[in-house]
């Protein structure tokens, strides 16, 4: 499978090398790196964005969603206020959101027989997107909401049951706390 987010990470690596070259930190064949980065970007835009859904999708030419697509803004691929990022955010909220939390992907994507809990880090990615596009009030409201799912000393589990607020999975979970710190 060709995952859209994997392509974004390849684009990001090349973009970072280009920026290092432009700052004089290393020497690369700039035209080759730009061409490759731009070709990857073309694939992301033509095959990683589903026009029918109005959203970037998990796999090239697919129709499933993945909350990791929210990281596209953090990585500098597209700003969070870009129309495609805004509509992706909306689709993710519609299809993966529940009680102010986000699942990583849709049920059945991982081949497991049951639904996992909402991933704490995904909910923090959504908050980062809200803040990055200037929706500070909505971001603050969402941030305060997710903080309510921490335990008495402020620690988070890997997952949260969106109905009960119960901590699920690994506890404490470093990834969730990385999302909080970011």
Protein backbone atom coordinates (compact mmCIF):
# COMPACT_ATOMS: atom_id res chain seq x y z
CA UNK A 1 0.00 0.00 0.00
CA UNK A 2 1.12 3.52 -0.70
CA UNK A 3 0.15 5.68 2.26
CA UNK A 4 -0.37 9.39 1.69
CA UNK A 5 1.30 10.26 4.99
CA UNK A 6 4.42 8.26 4.01
CA UNK A 7 4.61 10.33 0.83
CA UNK A 8 4.26 13.50 2.92
CA UNK A 9 7.19 12.38 5.07
CA UNK A 10 9.30 11.84 1.92
CA UNK A 11 8.28 15.30 0.67
CA UNK A 12 9.20 16.75 4.08
CA UNK A 13 12.64 15.11 4.09
CA UNK A 14 13.47 16.56 0.69
CA UNK A 15 12.05 19.96 1.64
CA UNK A 16 14.25 20.02 4.76
CA UNK A 17 17.34 19.16 2.72
CA UNK A 18 16.50 21.96 0.29
CA UNK A 19 16.16 24.43 3.17
CA UNK A 20 19.49 23.28 4.65
CA UNK A 21 21.10 23.84 1.25
CA UNK A 22 19.56 27.31 0.98
CA UNK A 23 21.01 28.21 4.41
CA UNK A 24 24.44 27.03 3.32
CA UNK A 25 24.49 24.11 5.75
CA UNK A 26 25.06 21.47 3.06
CA UNK A 27 25.49 21.18 -0.66
CA UNK A 28 23.04 19.18 -2.79
CA UNK A 29 21.94 19.03 -6.41
CA UNK A 30 19.19 21.57 -5.74
CA UNK A 31 17.31 21.10 -9.01
CA UNK A 32 17.15 17.31 -8.60
CA UNK A 33 15.90 17.57 -5.02
CA UNK A 34 13.31 20.21 -5.94
CA UNK A 35 12.11 18.16 -8.90
CA UNK A 36 11.76 15.01 -6.76
CA UNK A 37 10.01 16.91 -3.96
CA UNK A 38 7.61 18.50 -6.43
CA UNK A 39 6.88 15.16 -8.12
CA UNK A 40 6.01 13.65 -4.74
CA UNK A 41 3.82 16.69 -4.04
CA UNK A 42 2.05 16.13 -7.36
CA UNK A 43 1.31 12.51 -6.39
CA UNK A 44 -0.02 13.63 -3.00
CA UNK A 45 -2.27 16.24 -4.60
CA UNK A 46 -3.58 14.07 -7.43
CA UNK A 47 -3.81 10.66 -5.75
CA UNK A 48 -3.70 11.39 -2.00
CA UNK A 49 -6.59 13.86 -2.10
CA UNK A 50 -10.05 12.46 -2.76
CA UNK A 51 -12.10 15.22 -4.43
CA UNK A 52 -15.35 13.39 -3.77
CA UNK A 53 -14.67 13.46 -0.05
CA UNK A 54 -12.92 16.82 -0.13
CA UNK A 55 -10.17 15.28 1.97
CA UNK A 56 -6.70 13.85 1.93
CA UNK A 57 -6.99 10.10 2.41
CA UNK A 58 -4.98 7.38 4.10
CA UNK A 59 -3.87 5.60 0.91
CA UNK A 60 -3.28 6.87 -2.60
CA UNK A 61 -6.49 6.58 -4.64
CA UNK A 62 -8.36 5.57 -1.48
CA UNK A 63 -11.36 6.75 0.47
CA UNK A 64 -10.43 6.00 4.08
CA UNK A 65 -9.19 8.58 6.53
CA UNK A 66 -6.26 8.67 8.95
CA UNK A 67 -5.88 11.31 11.66
CA UNK A 68 -2.11 11.39 10.94
CA UNK A 69 -3.03 13.53 7.93
CA UNK A 70 -3.42 16.39 10.42
CA UNK A 71 0.37 16.38 10.75
CA UNK A 72 0.66 17.70 7.20
CA UNK A 73 0.24 21.18 8.68
CA UNK A 74 2.82 20.66 11.41
CA UNK A 75 5.35 19.40 8.88
CA UNK A 76 4.94 22.37 6.58
CA UNK A 77 3.44 20.48 3.67
CA UNK A 78 0.26 22.58 3.70
CA UNK A 79 -0.69 25.24 6.24
CA UNK A 80 -3.62 24.29 8.50
CA UNK A 81 -5.69 27.17 7.07
CA UNK A 82 -5.34 25.87 3.49
CA UNK A 83 -8.75 24.92 2.07
CA UNK A 84 -7.74 21.28 1.54
CA UNK A 85 -6.48 21.03 5.11
CA UNK A 86 -9.67 22.66 6.43
CA UNK A 87 -11.90 20.21 4.56
CA UNK A 88 -9.68 17.30 5.62
CA UNK A 89 -10.05 18.47 9.23
CA UNK A 90 -13.85 18.58 8.77
CA UNK A 91 -14.00 15.05 7.28
CA UNK A 92 -11.79 13.72 10.08
CA UNK A 93 -14.07 15.27 12.69
CA UNK A 94 -17.15 13.84 10.95
CA UNK A 95 -15.84 10.32 10.46
CA UNK A 96 -13.28 9.86 13.25
CA UNK A 97 -14.43 12.30 15.93
CA UNK A 98 -16.46 11.38 18.98
CA UNK A 99 -17.03 13.40 22.14
CA UNK A 100 -14.27 15.84 21.26
CA UNK A 101 -11.72 13.05 20.67
CA UNK A 102 -10.34 11.48 17.49
CA UNK A 103 -9.85 7.89 16.49
CA UNK A 104 -6.68 7.28 14.47
CA UNK A 105 -8.51 5.61 11.59
CA UNK A 106 -11.84 4.06 10.74
CA UNK A 107 -12.99 0.79 12.27
CA UNK A 108 -11.77 -2.22 10.32
CA UNK A 109 -8.76 -0.47 8.80
CA UNK A 110 -6.34 -2.40 11.00
CA UNK A 111 -8.06 -5.77 10.52
CA UNK A 112 -8.83 -6.04 14.24
CA UNK A 113 -12.25 -7.41 15.25
CA UNK A 114 -13.14 -4.51 17.55
CA UNK A 115 -12.87 -0.74 17.69
CA UNK A 116 -9.96 0.71 19.60
CA UNK A 117 -10.32 3.78 21.78
CA UNK A 118 -9.72 7.31 20.56
CA UNK A 119 -5.99 8.09 20.43
CA UNK A 120 -4.96 10.94 22.70
CA UNK A 121 -2.21 12.14 20.38
CA UNK A 122 -4.67 12.45 17.47
CA UNK A 123 -6.84 14.78 19.52
CA UNK A 124 -3.80 16.94 20.23
CA UNK A 125 -2.99 17.01 16.49
CA UNK A 126 -6.48 18.42 15.91
CA UNK A 127 -5.87 21.12 18.51
CA UNK A 128 -2.58 22.02 16.83
CA UNK A 129 -4.46 22.40 13.53
CA UNK A 130 -7.06 24.67 15.09
CA UNK A 131 -4.39 26.90 16.60
CA UNK A 132 -2.33 26.86 13.38
CA UNK A 133 -5.24 28.15 11.35
CA UNK A 134 -6.04 30.86 13.87
CA UNK A 135 -9.07 29.26 15.54
CA UNK A 136 -7.61 29.95 18.97
CA UNK A 137 -10.90 29.88 20.88
CA UNK A 138 -11.92 26.53 19.39
CA UNK A 139 -8.40 25.21 20.02
CA UNK A 140 -8.48 26.34 23.65
CA UNK A 141 -11.91 24.77 24.18
CA UNK A 142 -10.72 21.47 22.65
CA UNK A 143 -7.49 21.63 24.70
CA UNK A 144 -9.37 22.11 27.97
CA UNK A 145 -11.70 19.27 27.01
CA UNK A 146 -8.91 16.77 26.41
CA UNK A 147 -7.16 17.84 29.61
CA UNK A 148 -10.25 16.60 31.45
CA UNK A 149 -9.30 13.04 30.41
CA UNK A 150 -5.98 13.04 32.29
CA UNK A 151 -5.66 11.35 35.64
CA UNK A 152 -5.23 13.09 39.01
CA UNK A 153 -1.55 13.88 38.30
CA UNK A 154 -2.10 14.95 34.69
CA UNK A 155 -1.01 11.75 32.92
CA UNK A 156 -2.64 10.29 29.83
CA UNK A 157 -3.05 6.80 28.49
CA UNK A 158 -2.49 5.87 24.86
CA UNK A 159 -6.22 5.76 24.19
CA UNK A 160 -9.37 7.15 25.74
CA UNK A 161 -12.83 5.63 25.69
CA UNK A 162 -14.87 8.51 24.26
CA UNK A 163 -18.04 7.39 26.05
CA UNK A 164 -16.70 6.81 29.56
CA UNK A 165 -13.42 8.76 29.56
CA UNK A 166 -11.66 5.60 30.75
CA UNK A 167 -7.91 5.38 30.09
CA UNK A 168 -7.16 2.53 27.66
CA UNK A 169 -3.98 0.93 26.35
CA UNK A 170 -0.48 1.78 27.48
CA UNK A 171 -0.27 4.02 30.53
CA UNK A 172 1.30 6.46 30.74
CA UNK A 173 1.86 6.91 27.02
CA UNK A 174 4.78 9.02 25.82
CA UNK A 175 3.23 9.75 22.40
CA UNK A 176 0.13 11.26 23.99
CA UNK A 177 2.34 13.47 26.14
CA UNK A 178 4.39 14.52 23.10
CA UNK A 179 1.11 15.71 21.60
CA UNK A 180 0.35 17.62 24.79
CA UNK A 181 3.79 19.27 24.83
CA UNK A 182 3.51 20.25 21.15
